[in-house]
Amino acid sequence: MCADARAGISRWDRLTLLIATSGGLGYAPVASGTFGAMPGALLAYAAAVVAAHSGAPLAWQVAGQLLAAVGLSALVIPVCDVAETLLGKKDDGRIVADETWTFPVCTIGLPLLTAPWMLAVAFVVNRVCDVIKPPPARRLQDLHGGFGIVVDDFIACVYALAINHAIYWSVLALGWFPRG
């Protein structure tokens, strides 16, 4: 959307576009989804810090991460829905809030503080799964509006979560890194 087109929209619509483009990262000329996933990695790390410092048992920490990740994913659906309408294009590439806010899903239960290398691994695996869109993710992106924009990324993140755990536990079993 050009600056002239933005001049005629409300402050709420501008705020929606700011969130939907993850602070403007969606306007990157290439790999906007990758740029959009970067703040999601920071969100995931912040969630791990909060969980670790909560003093709660590990199972409760993981449950909290799960609830936060699902909640963030659900909250961004209406934002993506409105942004799609404002931008006038189905699943416009500038909308990257789905990459940002679903990213924490792919790190649930991983010890990011004691094994920070896993955040880099999770980022790469997330991007690969988002590009490949394993079934049923690719088909789900055809769903209408914000739900269709977010659900395919959410499913791709669930695949990435499984792969990330497999990598983490395999690396531990091989003794390449100390247990986190």
Protein backbone atom coordinates (compact mmCIF):
# COMPACT_ATOMS: atom_id res chain seq x y z
CA MET A 1 0.00 0.00 0.00
CA CYS A 2 1.48 3.36 -0.94
CA ALA A 3 1.70 6.29 1.45
CA ASP A 4 -1.14 8.11 -0.36
CA ALA A 5 -3.48 5.16 0.15
CA ARG A 6 -2.57 5.01 3.85
CA ALA A 7 -3.44 8.68 4.34
CA GLY A 8 -7.16 7.91 4.11
CA ILE A 9 -7.30 5.18 6.76
CA SER A 10 -7.99 5.45 10.47
CA ARG A 11 -5.42 5.28 13.25
CA TRP A 12 -6.77 1.85 14.21
CA ASP A 13 -6.23 0.63 10.68
CA ARG A 14 -2.69 2.02 10.70
CA LEU A 15 -2.04 0.28 14.01
CA THR A 16 -3.47 -2.94 12.56
CA LEU A 17 -1.13 -2.68 9.57
CA LEU A 18 1.81 -1.93 11.86
CA ILE A 19 1.08 -5.10 13.85
CA ALA A 20 0.27 -7.17 10.75
CA THR A 21 3.56 -6.18 9.11
CA SER A 22 5.43 -6.73 12.40
CA GLY A 23 6.53 -3.14 12.67
CA GLY A 24 7.12 -2.84 8.94
CA LEU A 25 9.25 -5.97 8.52
CA GLY A 26 6.66 -7.28 6.07
CA TYR A 27 7.72 -4.59 3.64
CA ALA A 28 11.15 -6.23 3.21
CA PRO A 29 11.74 -6.65 -0.54
CA VAL A 30 12.69 -10.34 -0.17
CA ALA A 31 12.03 -13.05 2.42
CA SER A 32 9.50 -10.96 4.33
CA GLY A 33 8.35 -14.08 6.21
CA THR A 34 11.87 -14.68 7.46
CA PHE A 35 12.14 -11.09 8.64
CA GLY A 36 8.72 -11.50 10.26
CA ALA A 37 9.85 -14.60 12.14
CA MET A 38 12.77 -12.76 13.77
CA PRO A 39 10.71 -10.94 16.42
CA GLY A 40 8.92 -14.26 16.95
CA ALA A 41 12.24 -15.79 17.97
CA LEU A 42 12.65 -12.97 20.50
CA LEU A 43 9.12 -13.67 21.78
CA ALA A 44 9.96 -17.35 22.18
CA TYR A 45 13.15 -16.53 24.09
CA ALA A 46 11.26 -14.07 26.31
CA ALA A 47 8.65 -16.77 27.04
CA ALA A 48 11.46 -19.16 28.01
CA VAL A 49 12.95 -16.53 30.35
CA VAL A 50 9.58 -15.87 32.00
CA ALA A 51 8.90 -19.60 32.34
CA ALA A 52 12.34 -20.32 33.81
CA HIS A 53 12.08 -17.51 36.35
CA SER A 54 8.51 -18.34 37.35
CA GLY A 55 9.62 -20.86 39.93
CA ALA A 56 6.93 -23.22 38.67
CA PRO A 57 7.62 -26.92 38.11
CA LEU A 58 8.81 -27.75 34.59
CA ALA A 59 5.44 -29.23 33.56
CA TRP A 60 3.68 -25.99 34.52
CA GLN A 61 6.32 -23.94 32.67
CA VAL A 62 5.69 -25.95 29.50
CA ALA A 63 1.92 -25.67 29.98
CA GLY A 64 2.32 -21.90 30.32
CA GLN A 65 4.39 -21.76 27.14
CA LEU A 66 1.74 -23.82 25.35
CA LEU A 67 -1.11 -21.57 26.49
CA ALA A 68 0.84 -18.41 25.62
CA ALA A 69 1.78 -19.73 22.16
CA VAL A 70 -1.76 -20.81 21.31
CA GLY A 71 -3.17 -17.57 22.74
CA LEU A 72 -0.80 -15.37 20.74
CA SER A 73 -1.62 -17.32 17.60
CA ALA A 74 -5.34 -16.86 18.18
CA LEU A 75 -5.02 -13.15 18.98
CA VAL A 76 -3.33 -12.38 15.68
CA ILE A 77 -6.11 -13.93 13.57
CA PRO A 78 -8.38 -10.83 13.62
CA VAL A 79 -5.38 -8.56 12.99
CA CYS A 80 -4.46 -10.55 9.88
CA ASP A 81 -8.11 -10.60 8.81
CA VAL A 82 -8.43 -6.80 8.92
CA ALA A 83 -5.00 -6.30 7.33
CA GLU A 84 -5.93 -8.59 4.43
CA THR A 85 -9.02 -6.46 3.80
CA LEU A 86 -7.02 -3.23 4.06
CA LEU A 87 -4.32 -4.45 1.70
CA GLY A 88 -6.89 -5.90 -0.69
CA LYS A 89 -5.06 -9.13 -1.42
CA LYS A 90 -5.49 -12.71 -0.14
CA ASP A 91 -2.65 -13.58 2.27
CA ASP A 92 -0.63 -10.54 1.19
CA GLY A 93 3.12 -11.15 1.62
CA ARG A 94 3.42 -7.98 3.67
CA ILE A 95 1.34 -9.62 6.40
CA VAL A 96 3.98 -11.34 8.53
CA ALA A 97 2.33 -11.22 11.95
CA ASP A 98 1.47 -14.88 11.42
CA GLU A 99 5.19 -15.70 11.28
CA THR A 100 5.93 -13.51 14.31
CA TRP A 101 3.17 -14.60 16.65
CA THR A 102 3.11 -18.32 15.82
CA PHE A 103 6.90 -18.77 16.10
CA PRO A 104 6.83 -19.52 19.87
CA VAL A 105 4.87 -22.70 19.08
CA CYS A 106 7.99 -24.31 17.61
CA THR A 107 10.00 -23.83 20.83
CA ILE A 108 7.55 -25.08 23.47
CA GLY A 109 9.39 -27.13 26.06
CA LEU A 110 12.86 -26.54 24.62
CA PRO A 111 15.50 -25.36 27.12
CA LEU A 112 16.42 -22.18 25.26
CA LEU A 113 18.25 -20.70 28.24
CA THR A 114 20.57 -23.65 28.82
CA ALA A 115 20.78 -24.67 25.17
CA PRO A 116 20.60 -21.32 23.34
CA TRP A 117 21.86 -22.95 20.14
CA MET A 118 18.39 -24.47 19.87
CA LEU A 119 16.90 -21.04 19.15
CA ALA A 120 18.98 -20.83 15.95
CA VAL A 121 18.05 -24.41 15.05
CA ALA A 122 14.38 -23.69 15.76
CA PHE A 123 14.52 -20.61 13.55
CA VAL A 124 15.91 -22.53 10.58
CA VAL A 125 13.54 -25.47 11.04
CA ASN A 126 10.60 -23.08 11.39
CA ARG A 127 11.45 -21.32 8.15
CA VAL A 128 11.89 -24.62 6.27
CA CYS A 129 8.56 -25.95 7.56
CA ASP A 130 6.83 -22.66 6.71
CA VAL A 131 8.15 -22.75 3.14
CA ILE A 132 7.44 -26.48 2.61
CA LYS A 133 4.04 -26.31 4.37
CA PRO A 134 3.62 -30.01 5.17
CA PRO A 135 0.07 -31.40 4.94
CA PRO A 136 -2.44 -30.16 5.86
CA ALA A 137 -0.80 -26.71 6.22
CA ARG A 138 -0.64 -25.92 2.49
CA ARG A 139 -4.32 -26.71 2.00
CA LEU A 140 -5.35 -24.77 5.13
CA GLN A 141 -3.81 -21.53 3.88
CA ASP A 142 -6.64 -21.42 1.34
CA LEU A 143 -9.15 -20.86 4.15
CA HIS A 144 -10.79 -17.44 4.30
CA GLY A 145 -9.30 -14.39 6.00
CA GLY A 146 -7.09 -14.19 9.04
CA PHE A 147 -7.78 -17.78 10.04
CA GLY A 148 -6.37 -19.02 6.73
CA ILE A 149 -3.37 -16.72 7.08
CA VAL A 150 -2.51 -17.96 10.58
CA VAL A 151 -3.55 -21.62 10.65
CA ASP A 152 -1.07 -22.80 7.99
CA ASP A 153 1.79 -21.21 9.93
CA PHE A 154 0.52 -22.67 13.19
CA ILE A 155 0.46 -26.18 11.69
CA ALA A 156 3.92 -25.66 10.16
CA CYS A 157 5.13 -24.61 13.62
CA VAL A 158 3.72 -27.81 15.15
CA TYR A 159 5.76 -29.80 12.62
CA ALA A 160 8.79 -27.64 13.45
CA LEU A 161 8.21 -28.26 17.16
CA ALA A 162 8.36 -32.03 16.65
CA ILE A 163 11.49 -31.74 14.50
CA ASN A 164 13.15 -29.37 16.98
CA HIS A 165 12.58 -31.78 19.86
CA ALA A 166 13.91 -34.66 17.75
CA ILE A 167 17.04 -32.63 16.98
CA TYR A 168 17.53 -31.59 20.61
CA TRP A 169 17.16 -35.09 22.02
CA SER A 170 19.31 -36.58 19.24
CA VAL A 171 22.09 -34.08 19.92
CA LEU A 172 21.91 -34.93 23.63
CA ALA A 173 21.99 -38.67 22.90
CA LEU A 174 25.06 -38.18 20.73
CA GLY A 175 26.72 -36.21 23.52
CA TRP A 176 27.51 -33.21 21.33
CA PHE A 177 26.22 -30.71 23.90
CA PRO A 178 25.67 -31.00 27.63
CA ARG A 179 22.13 -31.66 28.83
CA GLY A 180 20.16 -28.42 29.19
